[in-house]
Amino acid sequence: MNSIAKTTQTAGSRAVLEIDVNNHTGVMSHVAGLFSRRACNIEAILCMPLDGGATSRIWLLLNAEERLEQMIKQVAKLEDVYEVRRHGADHGVFKDLEAYFR
């Protein structure tokens, strides 16, 4: 079952999406392809396996534009997506990485 939980609205121009998915070949491509087809630039991707590798969590850092809510709904409809959560750009998952790569 897909569910969408909006946790934090973005104050700036970027958002972080946290997506729980089945862990198998092609899932990352399906998720990223959805944004690519809609000309939405993904600025950063982080993916880690969960539950012994059966599922994965994908974090996407992207621009928070007005059509983002529609794209979130479309991601949630993908077969291998369990849940999508939206966070503000200040979400900790990318905060430490940005400092590391400066």
C-alpha atoms as a PDB file:
ATOM      1  CA  MET A   1       0.000   0.000   0.000  1.00  0.00           C
ATOM      2  CA  ASN A   2       1.330   3.428  -0.937  1.00  0.00           C
ATOM      3  CA  SER A   3       1.012   6.317   1.454  1.00  0.00           C
ATOM      4  CA  ILE A   4       2.098   9.924   1.408  1.00  0.00           C
ATOM      5  CA  ALA A   5       3.065  11.655   4.642  1.00  0.00           C
ATOM      6  CA  LYS A   6       4.004  15.329   4.371  1.00  0.00           C
ATOM      7  CA  THR A   7       6.187  16.085   7.382  1.00  0.00           C
ATOM      8  CA  THR A   8       7.620  19.524   6.689  1.00  0.00           C
ATOM      9  CA  GLN A   9       6.956  22.173   4.066  1.00  0.00           C
ATOM     10  CA  THR A  10      10.035  23.706   2.536  1.00  0.00           C
ATOM     11  CA  ALA A  11      10.819  27.262   3.440  1.00  0.00           C
ATOM     12  CA  GLY A  12      13.349  27.622   0.614  1.00  0.00           C
ATOM     13  CA  SER A  13      13.490  26.407  -2.916  1.00  0.00           C
ATOM     14  CA  ARG A  14      14.545  22.798  -2.227  1.00  0.00           C
ATOM     15  CA  ALA A  15      12.900  19.740  -0.689  1.00  0.00           C
ATOM     16  CA  VAL A  16      13.996  16.282   0.419  1.00  0.00           C
ATOM     17  CA  LEU A  17      11.863  13.276  -0.476  1.00  0.00           C
ATOM     18  CA  GLU A  18      12.281  10.109   1.591  1.00  0.00           C
ATOM     19  CA  ILE A  19      10.980   7.106  -0.353  1.00  0.00           C
ATOM     20  CA  ASP A  20      10.686   3.513   0.922  1.00  0.00           C
ATOM     21  CA  VAL A  21      10.838   0.978  -1.922  1.00  0.00           C
ATOM     22  CA  ASN A  22      11.292  -2.691  -2.740  1.00  0.00           C
ATOM     23  CA  ASN A  23      14.997  -3.363  -3.165  1.00  0.00           C
ATOM     24  CA  HIS A  24      15.523  -4.833  -6.621  1.00  0.00           C
ATOM     25  CA  THR A  25      17.069  -3.961  -9.956  1.00  0.00           C
ATOM     26  CA  GLY A  26      15.513  -1.002 -11.740  1.00  0.00           C
ATOM     27  CA  VAL A  27      13.656   0.672  -8.868  1.00  0.00           C
ATOM     28  CA  MET A  28      16.060   3.628  -8.667  1.00  0.00           C
ATOM     29  CA  SER A  29      15.784   4.044 -12.433  1.00  0.00           C
ATOM     30  CA  HIS A  30      11.964   4.116 -12.280  1.00  0.00           C
ATOM     31  CA  VAL A  31      11.934   6.722  -9.528  1.00  0.00           C
ATOM     32  CA  ALA A  32      14.599   8.949 -11.098  1.00  0.00           C
ATOM     33  CA  GLY A  33      13.039   8.509 -14.543  1.00  0.00           C
ATOM     34  CA  LEU A  34       9.750   9.942 -13.335  1.00  0.00           C
ATOM     35  CA  PHE A  35      11.497  13.199 -12.376  1.00  0.00           C
ATOM     36  CA  SER A  36      13.616  13.180 -15.536  1.00  0.00           C
ATOM     37  CA  ARG A  37      10.589  12.881 -17.818  1.00  0.00           C
ATOM     38  CA  ARG A  38       9.109  15.945 -16.122  1.00  0.00           C
ATOM     39  CA  ALA A  39      12.357  17.948 -16.468  1.00  0.00           C
ATOM     40  CA  CYS A  40      12.872  18.143 -12.707  1.00  0.00           C
ATOM     41  CA  ASN A  41      16.543  18.141 -11.712  1.00  0.00           C
ATOM     42  CA  ILE A  42      17.545  15.818  -8.868  1.00  0.00           C
ATOM     43  CA  GLU A  43      20.416  17.535  -7.065  1.00  0.00           C
ATOM     44  CA  ALA A  44      21.403  14.571  -4.875  1.00  0.00           C
ATOM     45  CA  ILE A  45      20.451  10.925  -4.376  1.00  0.00           C
ATOM     46  CA  LEU A  46      21.192   8.727  -1.388  1.00  0.00           C
ATOM     47  CA  CYS A  47      20.009   5.137  -1.136  1.00  0.00           C
ATOM     48  CA  MET A  48      20.477   2.552   1.615  1.00  0.00           C
ATOM     49  CA  PRO A  49      19.124  -0.987   2.069  1.00  0.00           C
ATOM     50  CA  LEU A  50      16.811  -1.676   5.028  1.00  0.00           C
ATOM     51  CA  ASP A  51      15.489  -4.831   6.691  1.00  0.00           C
ATOM     52  CA  GLY A  52      18.341  -7.074   5.581  1.00  0.00           C
ATOM     53  CA  GLY A  53      18.130  -5.827   1.998  1.00  0.00           C
ATOM     54  CA  ALA A  54      14.470  -6.571   1.211  1.00  0.00           C
ATOM     55  CA  THR A  55      13.622  -2.869   1.065  1.00  0.00           C
ATOM     56  CA  SER A  56      15.579   0.326   0.522  1.00  0.00           C
ATOM     57  CA  ARG A  57      15.178   3.967   1.462  1.00  0.00           C
ATOM     58  CA  ILE A  58      15.896   6.583  -1.192  1.00  0.00           C
ATOM     59  CA  TRP A  59      16.435  10.245  -0.335  1.00  0.00           C
ATOM     60  CA  LEU A  60      16.184  12.795  -3.148  1.00  0.00           C
ATOM     61  CA  LEU A  61      17.220  16.441  -2.873  1.00  0.00           C
ATOM     62  CA  LEU A  62      15.399  18.490  -5.488  1.00  0.00           C
ATOM     63  CA  ASN A  63      13.851  21.835  -6.282  1.00  0.00           C
ATOM     64  CA  ALA A  64      10.530  22.463  -4.572  1.00  0.00           C
ATOM     65  CA  GLU A  65       8.493  23.747  -7.473  1.00  0.00           C
ATOM     66  CA  GLU A  66       4.727  24.051  -7.706  1.00  0.00           C
ATOM     67  CA  ARG A  67       4.305  20.738  -9.556  1.00  0.00           C
ATOM     68  CA  LEU A  68       6.275  18.821  -6.905  1.00  0.00           C
ATOM     69  CA  GLU A  69       3.113  17.751  -5.055  1.00  0.00           C
ATOM     70  CA  GLN A  70       1.774  16.153  -8.251  1.00  0.00           C
ATOM     71  CA  MET A  71       5.088  14.362  -8.833  1.00  0.00           C
ATOM     72  CA  ILE A  72       5.038  13.040  -5.248  1.00  0.00           C
ATOM     73  CA  LYS A  73       1.608  11.540  -5.904  1.00  0.00           C
ATOM     74  CA  GLN A  74       2.903   9.931  -9.088  1.00  0.00           C
ATOM     75  CA  VAL A  75       5.959   8.470  -7.293  1.00  0.00           C
ATOM     76  CA  ALA A  76       3.659   7.022  -4.628  1.00  0.00           C
ATOM     77  CA  LYS A  77       1.725   5.193  -7.378  1.00  0.00           C
ATOM     78  CA  LEU A  78       4.809   3.318  -8.611  1.00  0.00           C
ATOM     79  CA  GLU A  79       4.484  -0.418  -7.997  1.00  0.00           C
ATOM     80  CA  ASP A  80       7.587  -0.780  -5.825  1.00  0.00           C
ATOM     81  CA  VAL A  81       7.041   2.324  -3.667  1.00  0.00           C
ATOM     82  CA  TYR A  82       5.687   1.789  -0.144  1.00  0.00           C
ATOM     83  CA  GLU A  83       5.774   5.304   1.265  1.00  0.00           C
ATOM     84  CA  VAL A  84       6.840   8.844   0.336  1.00  0.00           C
ATOM     85  CA  ARG A  85       7.637  11.512   2.914  1.00  0.00           C
ATOM     86  CA  ARG A  86       8.471  15.140   2.131  1.00  0.00           C
ATOM     87  CA  HIS A  87      10.911  17.098   4.275  1.00  0.00           C
ATOM     88  CA  GLY A  88      12.371  20.583   4.145  1.00  0.00           C
ATOM     89  CA  ALA A  89      15.781  21.227   2.607  1.00  0.00           C
ATOM     90  CA  ASP A  90      17.216  21.395   6.121  1.00  0.00           C
ATOM     91  CA  HIS A  91      16.638  17.641   6.630  1.00  0.00           C
ATOM     92  CA  GLY A  92      19.741  16.129   8.235  1.00  0.00           C
ATOM     93  CA  VAL A  93      20.429  13.433   5.637  1.00  0.00           C
ATOM     94  CA  PHE A  94      22.026  15.870   3.168  1.00  0.00           C
ATOM     95  CA  LYS A  95      23.065  18.584   5.605  1.00  0.00           C
ATOM     96  CA  ASP A  96      26.237  16.807   6.759  1.00  0.00           C
ATOM     97  CA  LEU A  97      27.094  15.665   3.228  1.00  0.00           C
ATOM     98  CA  GLU A  98      26.936  19.205   1.827  1.00  0.00           C
ATOM     99  CA  ALA A  99      29.456  20.365   4.419  1.00  0.00           C
ATOM    100  CA  TYR A 100      31.722  17.414   3.564  1.00  0.00           C
ATOM    101  CA  PHE A 101      31.827  18.175  -0.177  1.00  0.00           C
ATOM    102  CA  ARG A 102      32.438  21.933   0.094  1.00  0.00           C
END
